[in-house]
């Protein structure tokens, strides 16, 4: 069973993603910010990390930078609905951080998310 870590400070987003992914047979763990997400990645193996970009404590950009540095083979899906700057700017910055990173703008369709997840964690 593939393991996915969902990192988002919005409870509703975490709940929605958990239900969607568990229905597809994935094991899901949830963290509410990048700091907590890093703790999980250090302790457990994940096939994919789905992270929001705008969060308290440690934002998605810092979180992704640390993941790329310490876990270069880990697949990452960065999602954002924007904030002080438009979502595509956050996502563009995230996409430049590594080859294992995909981006998705909120709101997104279930099918689009699941297709990206499958593509990211499919065996090569």
Protein backbone atom coordinates (compact mmCIF):
# COMPACT_ATOMS: atom_id res chain seq x y z
CA UNK A 1 0.00 0.00 0.00
CA UNK A 2 1.36 3.40 -1.01
CA UNK A 3 1.74 5.94 1.81
CA UNK A 4 0.90 9.62 1.37
CA UNK A 5 1.53 12.50 3.76
CA UNK A 6 -0.93 15.40 3.47
CA UNK A 7 0.32 18.68 4.95
CA UNK A 8 -2.23 21.50 5.20
CA UNK A 9 -3.38 23.81 7.98
CA UNK A 10 -7.02 23.66 6.82
CA UNK A 11 -8.83 20.79 8.52
CA UNK A 12 -11.46 20.60 5.76
CA UNK A 13 -8.79 20.16 3.07
CA UNK A 14 -7.03 17.44 5.08
CA UNK A 15 -10.31 15.62 5.65
CA UNK A 16 -11.33 15.85 1.99
CA UNK A 17 -7.93 14.67 0.73
CA UNK A 18 -7.80 11.85 3.27
CA UNK A 19 -11.21 10.54 2.18
CA UNK A 20 -10.38 10.85 -1.53
CA UNK A 21 -7.04 9.10 -1.20
CA UNK A 22 -8.20 6.36 1.19
CA UNK A 23 -11.05 5.52 -1.21
CA UNK A 24 -8.36 4.85 -3.81
CA UNK A 25 -6.50 2.51 -1.46
CA UNK A 26 -3.74 4.81 -0.21
CA UNK A 27 -2.63 5.00 3.43
CA UNK A 28 -2.81 8.66 4.51
CA UNK A 29 -1.11 10.57 7.33
CA UNK A 30 -1.93 14.22 8.04
CA UNK A 31 0.22 17.08 9.36
CA UNK A 32 -0.92 20.67 9.93
CA UNK A 33 2.29 22.49 8.94
CA UNK A 34 5.71 21.94 7.42
CA UNK A 35 7.42 21.46 10.79
CA UNK A 36 5.06 18.66 11.76
CA UNK A 37 5.34 17.28 8.22
CA UNK A 38 9.13 17.09 8.51
CA UNK A 39 8.81 15.19 11.80
CA UNK A 40 6.64 12.59 10.06
CA UNK A 41 8.97 12.28 7.06
CA UNK A 42 11.92 11.74 9.40
CA UNK A 43 10.07 8.93 11.23
CA UNK A 44 8.13 7.19 8.46
CA UNK A 45 8.57 6.33 4.79
CA UNK A 46 6.17 8.01 2.35
CA UNK A 47 5.72 7.54 -1.38
CA UNK A 48 4.34 11.06 -1.81
CA UNK A 49 3.96 14.31 0.13
CA UNK A 50 1.05 16.60 -0.77
CA UNK A 51 1.64 20.01 0.77
CA UNK A 52 -0.11 23.34 0.87
CA UNK A 53 2.11 26.36 0.27
CA UNK A 54 0.68 28.85 2.78
CA UNK A 55 0.77 27.56 6.36
CA UNK A 56 1.84 28.81 9.79
CA UNK A 57 5.02 27.66 11.59
CA UNK A 58 6.78 26.46 8.41
CA UNK A 59 5.32 27.30 5.02
CA UNK A 60 5.25 24.99 2.03
CA UNK A 61 8.20 26.56 0.26
CA UNK A 62 10.56 26.10 3.23
CA UNK A 63 9.17 22.61 3.80
CA UNK A 64 9.72 21.61 0.16
CA UNK A 65 13.24 23.06 0.17
CA UNK A 66 14.14 20.91 3.18
CA UNK A 67 12.53 17.82 1.65
CA UNK A 68 14.43 18.28 -1.61
CA UNK A 69 17.69 18.73 0.32
CA UNK A 70 17.25 15.80 2.71
CA UNK A 71 15.05 13.41 0.67
CA UNK A 72 15.86 14.13 -3.01
CA UNK A 73 13.93 11.11 -4.32
CA UNK A 74 10.70 11.88 -2.46
CA UNK A 75 7.80 12.82 -4.75
CA UNK A 76 6.01 16.06 -3.86
CA UNK A 77 2.73 17.61 -4.95
CA UNK A 78 2.50 21.30 -4.04
CA UNK A 79 -1.01 22.80 -3.88
CA UNK A 80 -2.07 26.39 -3.32
CA UNK A 81 -5.07 28.63 -3.49
CA UNK A 82 -2.90 31.73 -3.23
CA UNK A 83 -2.60 34.33 -0.54
CA UNK A 84 -0.77 37.65 -0.58
CA UNK A 85 0.44 36.68 -4.05
CA UNK A 86 -1.32 34.57 -6.66
CA UNK A 87 -1.32 30.78 -6.35
CA UNK A 88 0.56 30.26 -9.61
CA UNK A 89 3.52 32.29 -8.29
CA UNK A 90 3.85 30.06 -5.21
CA UNK A 91 3.47 26.98 -7.36
CA UNK A 92 5.96 28.20 -9.96
CA UNK A 93 8.56 28.70 -7.22
CA UNK A 94 7.84 25.21 -5.85
CA UNK A 95 8.11 23.64 -9.29
CA UNK A 96 11.60 25.07 -9.77
CA UNK A 97 12.91 23.28 -6.67
CA UNK A 98 13.19 19.81 -8.18
CA UNK A 99 12.22 17.26 -10.80
CA UNK A 100 10.09 15.23 -8.38
CA UNK A 101 7.69 18.12 -7.76
CA UNK A 102 4.30 18.61 -9.38
CA UNK A 103 1.95 21.52 -8.71
CA UNK A 104 -1.82 21.92 -8.54
CA UNK A 105 -3.89 25.05 -7.99
CA UNK A 106 -6.83 25.05 -5.56
CA UNK A 107 -9.68 24.50 -6.10
CA UNK A 108 -9.04 21.32 -8.07
CA UNK A 109 -11.18 18.48 -9.38
CA UNK A 110 -10.96 15.08 -7.72
CA UNK A 111 -10.04 13.37 -11.00
CA UNK A 112 -7.19 15.80 -11.67
CA UNK A 113 -5.72 15.27 -8.20
CA UNK A 114 -5.97 11.49 -8.37
CA UNK A 115 -4.43 11.40 -11.86
CA UNK A 116 -1.47 13.49 -10.65
CA UNK A 117 -1.03 11.31 -7.55
CA UNK A 118 -1.04 8.14 -9.64
CA UNK A 119 1.43 9.62 -12.12
CA UNK A 120 3.79 10.73 -9.35
CA UNK A 121 3.92 7.43 -7.48
CA UNK A 122 3.64 4.98 -10.36
CA UNK A 123 6.64 2.66 -10.55
CA UNK A 124 9.16 3.85 -13.10
